[in-house]
């Protein structure tokens, strides 16, 4: 059995966490969930699991936000695929988002998320 790409989901809203998790799994991807930016950075830095992509909400509870999680991920791997999800911070993407990332504004269709992740994974494997 081929190893499926593992997508790290960073979302503190349990309802959205579930929707995102289900969409990605139905899209043929494995998922791991972090409930905070701090937890996500710890998981990324541990490198115990080879994550293939990051899907992060921007406004998270705690000291860090999704912009910072993405920057940390890119310090570990400069080509790391990032998909941001936001209801309110889309206007900040140009100044805070990392290059070659995708931003989805909530509400979005689960299929849009799967497409965005797949598009970035395909680019990263080229």
PDB file of N, CA and C in Angstrom:
ATOM      1  N   UNK A   1       0.842  -1.196   0.000  1.00  0.00           N
ATOM      2  CA  UNK A   1       0.000   0.000   0.000  1.00  0.00           C
ATOM      3  C   UNK A   1       0.886   1.258   0.000  1.00  0.00           C
ATOM      4  N   UNK A   2       0.580   2.164  -0.861  1.00  0.00           N
ATOM      5  CA  UNK A   2       1.377   3.386  -0.965  1.00  0.00           C
ATOM      6  C   UNK A   2       1.136   4.267   0.260  1.00  0.00           C
ATOM      7  N   UNK A   3       2.166   4.975   0.650  1.00  0.00           N
ATOM      8  CA  UNK A   3       2.006   5.912   1.751  1.00  0.00           C
ATOM      9  C   UNK A   3       1.237   7.124   1.252  1.00  0.00           C
ATOM     10  N   UNK A   4       0.135   7.411   1.922  1.00  0.00           N
ATOM     11  CA  UNK A   4      -0.661   8.576   1.546  1.00  0.00           C
ATOM     12  C   UNK A   4      -0.005   9.827   2.119  1.00  0.00           C
ATOM     13  N   UNK A   5      -0.151  10.951   1.417  1.00  0.00           N
ATOM     14  CA  UNK A   5       0.335  12.205   1.991  1.00  0.00           C
ATOM     15  C   UNK A   5      -0.422  12.499   3.292  1.00  0.00           C
ATOM     16  N   UNK A   6       0.292  12.980   4.294  1.00  0.00           N
ATOM     17  CA  UNK A   6      -0.336  13.326   5.566  1.00  0.00           C
ATOM     18  C   UNK A   6      -0.429  14.842   5.653  1.00  0.00           C
ATOM     19  N   UNK A   7      -1.652  15.316   5.852  1.00  0.00           N
ATOM     20  CA  UNK A   7      -1.902  16.746   5.940  1.00  0.00           C
ATOM     21  C   UNK A   7      -2.120  17.110   7.403  1.00  0.00           C
ATOM     22  N   UNK A   8      -1.355  18.076   7.903  1.00  0.00           N
ATOM     23  CA  UNK A   8      -1.530  18.562   9.265  1.00  0.00           C
ATOM     24  C   UNK A   8      -2.574  19.679   9.242  1.00  0.00           C
ATOM     25  N   UNK A   9      -3.662  19.458   9.971  1.00  0.00           N
ATOM     26  CA  UNK A   9      -4.753  20.433  10.063  1.00  0.00           C
ATOM     27  C   UNK A   9      -4.586  21.201  11.370  1.00  0.00           C
ATOM     28  N   UNK A  10      -4.567  22.531  11.288  1.00  0.00           N
ATOM     29  CA  UNK A  10      -4.475  23.359  12.491  1.00  0.00           C
ATOM     30  C   UNK A  10      -5.772  24.164  12.582  1.00  0.00           C
ATOM     31  N   UNK A  11      -6.626  23.783  13.523  1.00  0.00           N
ATOM     32  CA  UNK A  11      -7.949  24.411  13.648  1.00  0.00           C
ATOM     33  C   UNK A  11      -8.419  24.219  15.079  1.00  0.00           C
ATOM     34  N   UNK A  12      -8.861  25.311  15.723  1.00  0.00           N
ATOM     35  CA  UNK A  12      -9.307  25.188  17.112  1.00  0.00           C
ATOM     36  C   UNK A  12     -10.826  25.066  17.244  1.00  0.00           C
ATOM     37  N   UNK A  13     -11.537  25.173  16.154  1.00  0.00           N
ATOM     38  CA  UNK A  13     -12.990  24.997  16.165  1.00  0.00           C
ATOM     39  C   UNK A  13     -13.287  23.531  15.811  1.00  0.00           C
ATOM     40  N   UNK A  14     -13.837  22.786  16.762  1.00  0.00           N
ATOM     41  CA  UNK A  14     -14.038  21.346  16.566  1.00  0.00           C
ATOM     42  C   UNK A  14     -14.939  21.028  15.388  1.00  0.00           C
ATOM     43  N   UNK A  15     -15.950  21.837  15.162  1.00  0.00           N
ATOM     44  CA  UNK A  15     -16.870  21.595  14.041  1.00  0.00           C
ATOM     45  C   UNK A  15     -16.126  21.710  12.715  1.00  0.00           C
ATOM     46  N   UNK A  16     -15.361  22.780  12.550  1.00  0.00           N
ATOM     47  CA  UNK A  16     -14.613  22.983  11.305  1.00  0.00           C
ATOM     48  C   UNK A  16     -13.517  21.925  11.181  1.00  0.00           C
ATOM     49  N   UNK A  17     -12.890  21.594  12.309  1.00  0.00           N
ATOM     50  CA  UNK A  17     -11.878  20.527  12.331  1.00  0.00           C
ATOM     51  C   UNK A  17     -12.451  19.254  11.700  1.00  0.00           C
ATOM     52  N   UNK A  18     -13.652  18.905  12.119  1.00  0.00           N
ATOM     53  CA  UNK A  18     -14.298  17.686  11.623  1.00  0.00           C
ATOM     54  C   UNK A  18     -14.591  17.751  10.132  1.00  0.00           C
ATOM     55  N   UNK A  19     -15.085  18.887   9.680  1.00  0.00           N
ATOM     56  CA  UNK A  19     -15.421  19.061   8.260  1.00  0.00           C
ATOM     57  C   UNK A  19     -14.161  18.962   7.400  1.00  0.00           C
ATOM     58  N   UNK A  20     -13.111  19.647   7.823  1.00  0.00           N
ATOM     59  CA  UNK A  20     -11.852  19.652   7.079  1.00  0.00           C
ATOM     60  C   UNK A  20     -11.240  18.253   7.063  1.00  0.00           C
ATOM     61  N   UNK A  21     -11.236  17.612   8.223  1.00  0.00           N
ATOM     62  CA  UNK A  21     -10.674  16.267   8.359  1.00  0.00           C
ATOM     63  C   UNK A  21     -11.395  15.294   7.426  1.00  0.00           C
ATOM     64  N   UNK A  22     -12.714  15.331   7.464  1.00  0.00           N
ATOM     65  CA  UNK A  22     -13.522  14.422   6.639  1.00  0.00           C
ATOM     66  C   UNK A  22     -13.298  14.682   5.149  1.00  0.00           C
ATOM     67  N   UNK A  23     -13.257  15.959   4.764  1.00  0.00           N
ATOM     68  CA  UNK A  23     -13.067  16.305   3.354  1.00  0.00           C
ATOM     69  C   UNK A  23     -11.744  15.770   2.830  1.00  0.00           C
ATOM     70  N   UNK A  24     -10.687  15.963   3.600  1.00  0.00           N
ATOM     71  CA  UNK A  24      -9.363  15.533   3.154  1.00  0.00           C
ATOM     72  C   UNK A  24      -9.255  14.012   3.109  1.00  0.00           C
ATOM     73  N   UNK A  25      -9.848  13.339   4.094  1.00  0.00           N
ATOM     74  CA  UNK A  25      -9.818  11.880   4.081  1.00  0.00           C
ATOM     75  C   UNK A  25     -10.603  11.326   2.900  1.00  0.00           C
ATOM     76  N   UNK A  26     -11.757  11.938   2.625  1.00  0.00           N
ATOM     77  CA  UNK A  26     -12.540  11.504   1.463  1.00  0.00           C
ATOM     78  C   UNK A  26     -11.790  11.789   0.172  1.00  0.00           C
ATOM     79  N   UNK A  27     -10.898  12.800   0.204  1.00  0.00           N
ATOM     80  CA  UNK A  27     -10.081  13.148  -0.950  1.00  0.00           C
ATOM     81  C   UNK A  27      -8.853  12.251  -1.088  1.00  0.00           C
ATOM     82  N   UNK A  28      -8.745  11.252  -0.220  1.00  0.00           N
ATOM     83  CA  UNK A  28      -7.651  10.294  -0.344  1.00  0.00           C
ATOM     84  C   UNK A  28      -6.384  10.666   0.402  1.00  0.00           C
ATOM     85  N   UNK A  29      -6.500  11.537   1.382  1.00  0.00           N
ATOM     86  CA  UNK A  29      -5.332  11.975   2.141  1.00  0.00           C
ATOM     87  C   UNK A  29      -5.447  11.511   3.588  1.00  0.00           C
ATOM     88  N   UNK A  30      -4.312  11.315   4.221  1.00  0.00           N
ATOM     89  CA  UNK A  30      -4.314  11.055   5.660  1.00  0.00           C
ATOM     90  C   UNK A  30      -4.236  12.400   6.360  1.00  0.00           C
ATOM     91  N   UNK A  31      -4.754  12.442   7.596  1.00  0.00           N
ATOM     92  CA  UNK A  31      -4.751  13.711   8.314  1.00  0.00           C
ATOM     93  C   UNK A  31      -4.228  13.540   9.730  1.00  0.00           C
ATOM     94  N   UNK A  32      -3.727  14.633  10.260  1.00  0.00           N
ATOM     95  CA  UNK A  32      -3.376  14.750  11.676  1.00  0.00           C
ATOM     96  C   UNK A  32      -3.925  16.105  12.099  1.00  0.00           C
ATOM     97  N   UNK A  33      -4.395  16.192  13.334  1.00  0.00           N
ATOM     98  CA  UNK A  33      -5.025  17.434  13.778  1.00  0.00           C
ATOM     99  C   UNK A  33      -4.288  18.031  14.961  1.00  0.00           C
ATOM    100  N   UNK A  34      -4.039  19.331  14.874  1.00  0.00           N
ATOM    101  CA  UNK A  34      -3.490  20.094  15.997  1.00  0.00           C
ATOM    102  C   UNK A  34      -4.539  21.136  16.372  1.00  0.00           C
ATOM    103  N   UNK A  35      -4.840  21.236  17.650  1.00  0.00           N
ATOM    104  CA  UNK A  35      -5.860  22.174  18.103  1.00  0.00           C
ATOM    105  C   UNK A  35      -5.344  23.577  18.353  1.00  0.00           C
ATOM    106  N   UNK A  36      -4.017  23.762  18.224  1.00  0.00           N
ATOM    107  CA  UNK A  36      -3.447  25.093  18.443  1.00  0.00           C
ATOM    108  C   UNK A  36      -2.204  25.249  17.570  1.00  0.00           C
ATOM    109  N   UNK A  37      -1.809  26.509  17.379  1.00  0.00           N
ATOM    110  CA  UNK A  37      -0.604  26.797  16.605  1.00  0.00           C
ATOM    111  C   UNK A  37       0.624  26.216  17.294  1.00  0.00           C
ATOM    112  N   UNK A  38       0.661  26.346  18.616  1.00  0.00           N
ATOM    113  CA  UNK A  38       1.811  25.843  19.372  1.00  0.00           C
ATOM    114  C   UNK A  38       1.969  24.336  19.195  1.00  0.00           C
ATOM    115  N   UNK A  39       0.842  23.613  19.265  1.00  0.00           N
ATOM    116  CA  UNK A  39       0.880  22.165  19.087  1.00  0.00           C
ATOM    117  C   UNK A  39       1.365  21.819  17.674  1.00  0.00           C
ATOM    118  N   UNK A  40       0.881  22.561  16.689  1.00  0.00           N
ATOM    119  CA  UNK A  40       1.273  22.309  15.300  1.00  0.00           C
ATOM    120  C   UNK A  40       2.768  22.491  15.106  1.00  0.00           C
ATOM    121  N   UNK A  41       3.320  23.566  15.647  1.00  0.00           N
ATOM    122  CA  UNK A  41       4.753  23.834  15.494  1.00  0.00           C
ATOM    123  C   UNK A  41       5.562  22.730  16.168  1.00  0.00           C
ATOM    124  N   UNK A  42       5.112  22.282  17.338  1.00  0.00           N
ATOM    125  CA  UNK A  42       5.790  21.181  18.029  1.00  0.00           C
ATOM    126  C   UNK A  42       5.801  19.933  17.162  1.00  0.00           C
ATOM    127  N   UNK A  43       4.652  19.623  16.550  1.00  0.00           N
ATOM    128  CA  UNK A  43       4.560  18.444  15.692  1.00  0.00           C
ATOM    129  C   UNK A  43       5.460  18.582  14.464  1.00  0.00           C
ATOM    130  N   UNK A  44       5.462  19.757  13.854  1.00  0.00           N
ATOM    131  CA  UNK A  44       6.294  19.981  12.671  1.00  0.00           C
ATOM    132  C   UNK A  44       7.780  19.871  13.013  1.00  0.00           C
ATOM    133  N   UNK A  45       8.170  20.450  14.147  1.00  0.00           N
ATOM    134  CA  UNK A  45       9.585  20.444  14.521  1.00  0.00           C
ATOM    135  C   UNK A  45      10.052  19.044  14.918  1.00  0.00           C
ATOM    136  N   UNK A  46       9.146  18.225  15.451  1.00  0.00           N
ATOM    137  CA  UNK A  46       9.513  16.870  15.868  1.00  0.00           C
ATOM    138  C   UNK A  46       9.868  16.013  14.652  1.00  0.00           C
ATOM    139  N   UNK A  47       9.230  16.292  13.529  1.00  0.00           N
ATOM    140  CA  UNK A  47       9.482  15.571  12.275  1.00  0.00           C
ATOM    141  C   UNK A  47       9.296  14.063  12.414  1.00  0.00           C
ATOM    142  N   UNK A  48       8.633  13.625  13.489  1.00  0.00           N
ATOM    143  CA  UNK A  48       8.415  12.191  13.678  1.00  0.00           C
ATOM    144  C   UNK A  48       7.503  11.664  12.573  1.00  0.00           C
ATOM    145  N   UNK A  49       6.558  12.484  12.180  1.00  0.00           N
ATOM    146  CA  UNK A  49       5.660  12.126  11.092  1.00  0.00           C
ATOM    147  C   UNK A  49       6.013  13.027   9.926  1.00  0.00           C
ATOM    148  N   UNK A  50       6.172  12.432   8.755  1.00  0.00           N
ATOM    149  CA  UNK A  50       6.523  13.241   7.597  1.00  0.00           C
ATOM    150  C   UNK A  50       5.296  13.898   6.993  1.00  0.00           C
ATOM    151  N   UNK A  51       4.952  15.052   7.518  1.00  0.00           N
ATOM    152  CA  UNK A  51       3.779  15.753   6.976  1.00  0.00           C
ATOM    153  C   UNK A  51       4.063  16.226   5.561  1.00  0.00           C
ATOM    154  N   UNK A  52       3.037  16.155   4.715  1.00  0.00           N
ATOM    155  CA  UNK A  52       3.176  16.552   3.316  1.00  0.00           C
ATOM    156  C   UNK A  52       2.661  17.953   3.051  1.00  0.00           C
ATOM    157  N   UNK A  53       1.727  18.420   3.899  1.00  0.00           N
ATOM    158  CA  UNK A  53       1.126  19.737   3.682  1.00  0.00           C
ATOM    159  C   UNK A  53       0.529  20.232   4.994  1.00  0.00           C
ATOM    160  N   UNK A  54       0.258  21.535   5.034  1.00  0.00           N
ATOM    161  CA  UNK A  54      -0.330  22.173   6.209  1.00  0.00           C
ATOM    162  C   UNK A  54      -1.605  22.887   5.788  1.00  0.00           C
ATOM    163  N   UNK A  55      -2.678  22.634   6.520  1.00  0.00           N
ATOM    164  CA  UNK A  55      -3.930  23.375   6.336  1.00  0.00           C
ATOM    165  C   UNK A  55      -4.184  24.061   7.668  1.00  0.00           C
ATOM    166  N   UNK A  56      -4.131  25.386   7.690  1.00  0.00           N
ATOM    167  CA  UNK A  56      -4.247  26.091   8.967  1.00  0.00           C
ATOM    168  C   UNK A  56      -5.276  27.213   8.931  1.00  0.00           C
ATOM    169  N   UNK A  57      -6.024  27.301  10.022  1.00  0.00           N
ATOM    170  CA  UNK A  57      -6.864  28.467  10.239  1.00  0.00           C
ATOM    171  C   UNK A  57      -5.911  29.609  10.578  1.00  0.00           C
ATOM    172  N   UNK A  58      -6.326  30.841  10.378  1.00  0.00           N
ATOM    173  CA  UNK A  58      -5.443  31.961  10.681  1.00  0.00           C
ATOM    174  C   UNK A  58      -5.652  32.462  12.100  1.00  0.00           C
ATOM    175  N   UNK A  59      -6.914  32.676  12.477  1.00  0.00           N
ATOM    176  CA  UNK A  59      -7.200  33.174  13.818  1.00  0.00           C
ATOM    177  C   UNK A  59      -7.369  32.009  14.778  1.00  0.00           C
ATOM    178  N   UNK A  60      -6.322  31.761  15.553  1.00  0.00           N
ATOM    179  CA  UNK A  60      -6.307  30.637  16.492  1.00  0.00           C
ATOM    180  C   UNK A  60      -6.204  31.163  17.919  1.00  0.00           C
ATOM    181  N   UNK A  61      -6.737  30.392  18.859  1.00  0.00           N
ATOM    182  CA  UNK A  61      -6.570  30.752  20.266  1.00  0.00           C
ATOM    183  C   UNK A  61      -5.108  30.511  20.626  1.00  0.00           C
ATOM    184  N   UNK A  62      -4.591  31.257  21.581  1.00  0.00           N
ATOM    185  CA  UNK A  62      -3.199  31.072  21.981  1.00  0.00           C
ATOM    186  C   UNK A  62      -2.339  32.230  21.509  1.00  0.00           C
ATOM    187  N   UNK A  63      -1.037  32.094  21.700  1.00  0.00           N
ATOM    188  CA  UNK A  63      -0.119  33.199  21.398  1.00  0.00           C
ATOM    189  C   UNK A  63       0.183  33.318  19.915  1.00  0.00           C
ATOM    190  N   UNK A  64       0.103  32.205  19.189  1.00  0.00           N
ATOM    191  CA  UNK A  64       0.477  32.208  17.776  1.00  0.00           C
ATOM    192  C   UNK A  64      -0.753  32.108  16.889  1.00  0.00           C
ATOM    193  N   UNK A  65      -0.609  32.560  15.641  1.00  0.00           N
ATOM    194  CA  UNK A  65      -1.697  32.426  14.673  1.00  0.00           C
ATOM    195  C   UNK A  65      -1.232  31.573  13.490  1.00  0.00           C
ATOM    196  N   UNK A  66      -2.132  31.399  12.532  1.00  0.00           N
ATOM    197  CA  UNK A  66      -1.825  30.560  11.378  1.00  0.00           C
ATOM    198  C   UNK A  66      -0.704  31.097  10.510  1.00  0.00           C
ATOM    199  N   UNK A  67      -0.587  32.424  10.442  1.00  0.00           N
ATOM    200  CA  UNK A  67       0.518  33.000   9.663  1.00  0.00           C
ATOM    201  C   UNK A  67       1.843  32.498  10.229  1.00  0.00           C
ATOM    202  N   UNK A  68       1.945  32.495  11.578  1.00  0.00           N
ATOM    203  CA  UNK A  68       3.204  32.105  12.221  1.00  0.00           C
ATOM    204  C   UNK A  68       3.476  30.610  12.068  1.00  0.00           C
ATOM    205  N   UNK A  69       2.423  29.799  12.135  1.00  0.00           N
ATOM    206  CA  UNK A  69       2.601  28.353  11.926  1.00  0.00           C
ATOM    207  C   UNK A  69       3.199  28.110  10.539  1.00  0.00           C
ATOM    208  N   UNK A  70       2.641  28.783   9.532  1.00  0.00           N
ATOM    209  CA  UNK A  70       3.122  28.607   8.157  1.00  0.00           C
ATOM    210  C   UNK A  70       4.579  29.032   8.022  1.00  0.00           C
ATOM    211  N   UNK A  71       4.947  30.135   8.661  1.00  0.00           N
ATOM    212  CA  UNK A  71       6.337  30.594   8.594  1.00  0.00           C
ATOM    213  C   UNK A  71       7.270  29.582   9.241  1.00  0.00           C
ATOM    214  N   UNK A  72       6.848  29.000  10.360  1.00  0.00           N
ATOM    215  CA  UNK A  72       7.665  27.973  11.026  1.00  0.00           C
ATOM    216  C   UNK A  72       7.810  26.752  10.114  1.00  0.00           C
ATOM    217  N   UNK A  73       6.707  26.358   9.466  1.00  0.00           N
ATOM    218  CA  UNK A  73       6.747  25.199   8.563  1.00  0.00           C
ATOM    219  C   UNK A  73       7.730  25.456   7.426  1.00  0.00           C
ATOM    220  N   UNK A  74       7.730  26.678   6.901  1.00  0.00           N
ATOM    221  CA  UNK A  74       8.625  27.018   5.798  1.00  0.00           C
ATOM    222  C   UNK A  74      10.083  27.112   6.237  1.00  0.00           C
ATOM    223  N   UNK A  75      10.323  27.386   7.523  1.00  0.00           N
ATOM    224  CA  UNK A  75      11.706  27.364   8.017  1.00  0.00           C
ATOM    225  C   UNK A  75      12.231  25.937   8.024  1.00  0.00           C
ATOM    226  N   UNK A  76      11.345  24.978   8.280  1.00  0.00           N
ATOM    227  CA  UNK A  76      11.722  23.568   8.289  1.00  0.00           C
ATOM    228  C   UNK A  76      11.888  23.064   6.856  1.00  0.00           C
ATOM    229  N   UNK A  77      10.953  23.439   5.980  1.00  0.00           N
ATOM    230  CA  UNK A  77      10.995  23.031   4.568  1.00  0.00           C
ATOM    231  C   UNK A  77      10.514  24.207   3.722  1.00  0.00           C
ATOM    232  N   UNK A  78      11.417  24.865   2.987  1.00  0.00           N
ATOM    233  CA  UNK A  78      11.063  26.068   2.222  1.00  0.00           C
ATOM    234  C   UNK A  78       9.975  25.859   1.172  1.00  0.00           C
ATOM    235  N   UNK A  79       9.717  24.607   0.779  1.00  0.00           N
ATOM    236  CA  UNK A  79       8.708  24.349  -0.251  1.00  0.00           C
ATOM    237  C   UNK A  79       7.427  23.748   0.338  1.00  0.00           C
ATOM    238  N   UNK A  80       7.284  23.779   1.653  1.00  0.00           N
ATOM    239  CA  UNK A  80       6.155  23.108   2.308  1.00  0.00           C
ATOM    240  C   UNK A  80       4.814  23.677   1.826  1.00  0.00           C
ATOM    241  N   UNK A  81       3.909  22.822   1.315  1.00  0.00           N
ATOM    242  CA  UNK A  81       2.600  23.303   0.845  1.00  0.00           C
ATOM    243  C   UNK A  81       1.738  23.815   1.998  1.00  0.00           C
ATOM    244  N   UNK A  82       1.193  25.012   1.830  1.00  0.00           N
ATOM    245  CA  UNK A  82       0.372  25.641   2.872  1.00  0.00           C
ATOM    246  C   UNK A  82      -0.969  26.076   2.288  1.00  0.00           C
ATOM    247  N   UNK A  83      -2.052  25.702   2.975  1.00  0.00           N
ATOM    248  CA  UNK A  83      -3.382  26.225   2.651  1.00  0.00           C
ATOM    249  C   UNK A  83      -3.895  26.923   3.905  1.00  0.00           C
ATOM    250  N   UNK A  84      -4.233  28.200   3.762  1.00  0.00           N
ATOM    251  CA  UNK A  84      -4.807  28.967   4.861  1.00  0.00           C
ATOM    252  C   UNK A  84      -6.327  28.938   4.755  1.00  0.00           C
ATOM    253  N   UNK A  85      -6.996  28.922   5.911  1.00  0.00           N
ATOM    254  CA  UNK A  85      -8.450  29.056   5.951  1.00  0.00           C
ATOM    255  C   UNK A  85      -8.756  30.257   6.839  1.00  0.00           C
ATOM    256  N   UNK A  86      -9.662  31.118   6.390  1.00  0.00           N
ATOM    257  CA  UNK A  86      -9.994  32.268   7.224  1.00  0.00           C
ATOM    258  C   UNK A  86     -11.380  32.802   6.917  1.00  0.00           C
ATOM    259  N   UNK A  87     -11.997  33.346   7.934  1.00  0.00           N
ATOM    260  CA  UNK A  87     -13.260  34.024   7.739  1.00  0.00           C
ATOM    261  C   UNK A  87     -13.059  35.526   7.695  1.00  0.00           C
ATOM    262  N   UNK A  88     -11.956  36.004   8.290  1.00  0.00           N
ATOM    263  CA  UNK A  88     -11.812  37.444   8.459  1.00  0.00           C
ATOM    264  C   UNK A  88     -10.487  38.031   7.997  1.00  0.00           C
ATOM    265  N   UNK A  89      -9.466  37.201   7.844  1.00  0.00           N
ATOM    266  CA  UNK A  89      -8.119  37.748   7.644  1.00  0.00           C
ATOM    267  C   UNK A  89      -7.635  37.689   6.198  1.00  0.00           C
ATOM    268  N   UNK A  90      -8.528  37.496   5.240  1.00  0.00           N
ATOM    269  CA  UNK A  90      -8.096  37.344   3.848  1.00  0.00           C
ATOM    270  C   UNK A  90      -7.299  38.548   3.353  1.00  0.00           C
ATOM    271  N   UNK A  91      -7.650  39.727   3.797  1.00  0.00           N
ATOM    272  CA  UNK A  91      -6.966  40.939   3.357  1.00  0.00           C
ATOM    273  C   UNK A  91      -5.513  41.007   3.793  1.00  0.00           C
ATOM    274  N   UNK A  92      -5.140  40.194   4.783  1.00  0.00           N
ATOM    275  CA  UNK A  92      -3.768  40.206   5.292  1.00  0.00           C
ATOM    276  C   UNK A  92      -2.860  39.223   4.553  1.00  0.00           C
ATOM    277  N   UNK A  93      -3.443  38.419   3.649  1.00  0.00           N
ATOM    278  CA  UNK A  93      -2.675  37.359   3.001  1.00  0.00           C
ATOM    279  C   UNK A  93      -1.458  37.904   2.251  1.00  0.00           C
ATOM    280  N   UNK A  94      -1.643  39.011   1.532  1.00  0.00           N
ATOM    281  CA  UNK A  94      -0.547  39.567   0.734  1.00  0.00           C
ATOM    282  C   UNK A  94       0.651  39.928   1.605  1.00  0.00           C
ATOM    283  N   UNK A  95       0.399  40.429   2.802  1.00  0.00           N
ATOM    284  CA  UNK A  95       1.510  40.858   3.652  1.00  0.00           C
ATOM    285  C   UNK A  95       1.993  39.769   4.603  1.00  0.00           C
ATOM    286  N   UNK A  96       1.130  38.832   4.991  1.00  0.00           N
ATOM    287  CA  UNK A  96       1.523  37.833   5.985  1.00  0.00           C
ATOM    288  C   UNK A  96       1.693  36.427   5.418  1.00  0.00           C
ATOM    289  N   UNK A  97       1.019  36.126   4.328  1.00  0.00           N
ATOM    290  CA  UNK A  97       1.065  34.776   3.786  1.00  0.00           C
ATOM    291  C   UNK A  97       2.415  34.447   3.179  1.00  0.00           C
ATOM    292  N   UNK A  98       2.763  33.168   3.197  1.00  0.00           N
ATOM    293  CA  UNK A  98       4.026  32.752   2.588  1.00  0.00           C
ATOM    294  C   UNK A  98       3.808  32.560   1.086  1.00  0.00           C
ATOM    295  N   UNK A  99       4.873  32.685   0.279  1.00  0.00           N
ATOM    296  CA  UNK A  99       4.738  32.492  -1.173  1.00  0.00           C
ATOM    297  C   UNK A  99       4.253  31.078  -1.496  1.00  0.00           C
ATOM    298  N   UNK A 100       3.621  30.944  -2.645  1.00  0.00           N
ATOM    299  CA  UNK A 100       3.145  29.649  -3.129  1.00  0.00           C
ATOM    300  C   UNK A 100       2.223  28.958  -2.131  1.00  0.00           C
ATOM    301  N   UNK A 101       1.336  29.741  -1.546  1.00  0.00           N
ATOM    302  CA  UNK A 101       0.318  29.200  -0.654  1.00  0.00           C
ATOM    303  C   UNK A 101      -1.041  29.533  -1.251  1.00  0.00           C
ATOM    304  N   UNK A 102      -2.066  28.916  -0.704  1.00  0.00           N
ATOM    305  CA  UNK A 102      -3.431  29.160  -1.174  1.00  0.00           C
ATOM    306  C   UNK A 102      -4.267  29.596   0.026  1.00  0.00           C
ATOM    307  N   UNK A 103      -5.136  30.571  -0.187  1.00  0.00           N
ATOM    308  CA  UNK A 103      -6.023  31.021   0.878  1.00  0.00           C
ATOM    309  C   UNK A 103      -7.462  30.727   0.484  1.00  0.00           C
ATOM    310  N   UNK A 104      -8.184  30.064   1.385  1.00  0.00           N
ATOM    311  CA  UNK A 104      -9.604  29.795   1.186  1.00  0.00           C
ATOM    312  C   UNK A 104     -10.391  30.607   2.203  1.00  0.00           C
ATOM    313  N   UNK A 105     -11.370  31.363   1.714  1.00  0.00           N
ATOM    314  CA  UNK A 105     -12.214  32.125   2.626  1.00  0.00           C
ATOM    315  C   UNK A 105     -13.394  31.286   3.053  1.00  0.00           C
ATOM    316  N   UNK A 106     -13.647  31.283   4.372  1.00  0.00           N
ATOM    317  CA  UNK A 106     -14.807  30.561   4.897  1.00  0.00           C
ATOM    318  C   UNK A 106     -16.057  31.369   4.583  1.00  0.00           C
ATOM    319  N   UNK A 107     -17.154  30.730   4.271  1.00  0.00           N
ATOM    320  CA  UNK A 107     -17.287  29.276   4.120  1.00  0.00           C
ATOM    321  C   UNK A 107     -16.820  28.844   2.726  1.00  0.00           C
ATOM    322  N   UNK A 108     -16.178  27.700   2.644  1.00  0.00           N
ATOM    323  CA  UNK A 108     -15.773  27.147   1.357  1.00  0.00           C
ATOM    324  C   UNK A 108     -16.287  25.720   1.272  1.00  0.00           C
ATOM    325  N   UNK A 109     -16.390  25.218   0.064  1.00  0.00           N
ATOM    326  CA  UNK A 109     -16.852  23.844  -0.135  1.00  0.00           C
ATOM    327  C   UNK A 109     -15.703  22.893   0.189  1.00  0.00           C
ATOM    328  N   UNK A 110     -15.996  21.753   0.826  1.00  0.00           N
ATOM    329  CA  UNK A 110     -14.933  20.787   1.112  1.00  0.00           C
ATOM    330  C   UNK A 110     -14.128  20.428  -0.132  1.00  0.00           C
ATOM    331  N   UNK A 111     -14.774  20.348  -1.285  1.00  0.00           N
ATOM    332  CA  UNK A 111     -14.061  20.001  -2.516  1.00  0.00           C
ATOM    333  C   UNK A 111     -13.006  21.053  -2.868  1.00  0.00           C
ATOM    334  N   UNK A 112     -13.278  22.318  -2.544  1.00  0.00           N
ATOM    335  CA  UNK A 112     -12.295  23.376  -2.816  1.00  0.00           C
ATOM    336  C   UNK A 112     -11.021  23.144  -2.018  1.00  0.00           C
ATOM    337  N   UNK A 113     -11.185  22.681  -0.785  1.00  0.00           N
ATOM    338  CA  UNK A 113     -10.038  22.416   0.064  1.00  0.00           C
ATOM    339  C   UNK A 113      -9.212  21.260  -0.491  1.00  0.00           C
ATOM    340  N   UNK A 114      -9.882  20.187  -0.866  1.00  0.00           N
ATOM    341  CA  UNK A 114      -9.186  19.017  -1.408  1.00  0.00           C
ATOM    342  C   UNK A 114      -8.430  19.409  -2.675  1.00  0.00           C
ATOM    343  N   UNK A 115      -9.063  20.191  -3.530  1.00  0.00           N
ATOM    344  CA  UNK A 115      -8.430  20.652  -4.766  1.00  0.00           C
ATOM    345  C   UNK A 115      -7.201  21.504  -4.471  1.00  0.00           C
ATOM    346  N   UNK A 116      -7.315  22.410  -3.499  1.00  0.00           N
ATOM    347  CA  UNK A 116      -6.199  23.293  -3.154  1.00  0.00           C
ATOM    348  C   UNK A 116      -5.006  22.483  -2.648  1.00  0.00           C
ATOM    349  N   UNK A 117      -5.260  21.528  -1.759  1.00  0.00           N
ATOM    350  CA  UNK A 117      -4.166  20.707  -1.220  1.00  0.00           C
ATOM    351  C   UNK A 117      -3.536  19.867  -2.332  1.00  0.00           C
ATOM    352  N   UNK A 118      -4.384  19.256  -3.162  1.00  0.00           N
ATOM    353  CA  UNK A 118      -3.871  18.414  -4.250  1.00  0.00           C
ATOM    354  C   UNK A 118      -3.016  19.228  -5.213  1.00  0.00           C
ATOM    355  N   UNK A 119      -3.473  20.444  -5.505  1.00  0.00           N
ATOM    356  CA  UNK A 119      -2.737  21.320  -6.424  1.00  0.00           C
ATOM    357  C   UNK A 119      -1.345  21.625  -5.856  1.00  0.00           C
ATOM    358  N   UNK A 120      -1.265  21.946  -4.579  1.00  0.00           N
ATOM    359  CA  UNK A 120       0.030  22.263  -3.965  1.00  0.00           C
ATOM    360  C   UNK A 120       0.928  21.033  -3.856  1.00  0.00           C
ATOM    361  N   UNK A 121       0.331  19.878  -3.554  1.00  0.00           N
ATOM    362  CA  UNK A 121       1.122  18.647  -3.461  1.00  0.00           C
ATOM    363  C   UNK A 121       1.711  18.289  -4.826  1.00  0.00           C
ATOM    364  N   UNK A 122       0.941  18.466  -5.874  1.00  0.00           N
ATOM    365  CA  UNK A 122       1.432  18.168  -7.227  1.00  0.00           C
ATOM    366  C   UNK A 122       2.560  19.093  -7.622  1.00  0.00           C
ATOM    367  N   UNK A 123       2.453  20.368  -7.251  1.00  0.00           N
ATOM    368  CA  UNK A 123       3.505  21.334  -7.542  1.00  0.00           C
ATOM    369  C   UNK A 123       4.768  20.943  -6.788  1.00  0.00           C
ATOM    370  N   UNK A 124       4.602  20.543  -5.512  1.00  0.00           N
ATOM    371  CA  UNK A 124       5.741  20.219  -4.664  1.00  0.00           C
ATOM    372  C   UNK A 124       6.480  18.964  -5.114  1.00  0.00           C
ATOM    373  N   UNK A 125       5.821  18.089  -5.869  1.00  0.00           N
ATOM    374  CA  UNK A 125       6.450  16.839  -6.273  1.00  0.00           C
ATOM    375  C   UNK A 125       7.051  16.919  -7.672  1.00  0.00           C
ATOM    376  N   UNK A 126       7.030  18.125  -8.263  1.00  0.00           N
ATOM    377  CA  UNK A 126       7.484  18.262  -9.641  1.00  0.00           C
ATOM    378  C   UNK A 126       8.941  18.388  -9.768  1.00  0.00           C
TER     379      UNK A 126
END
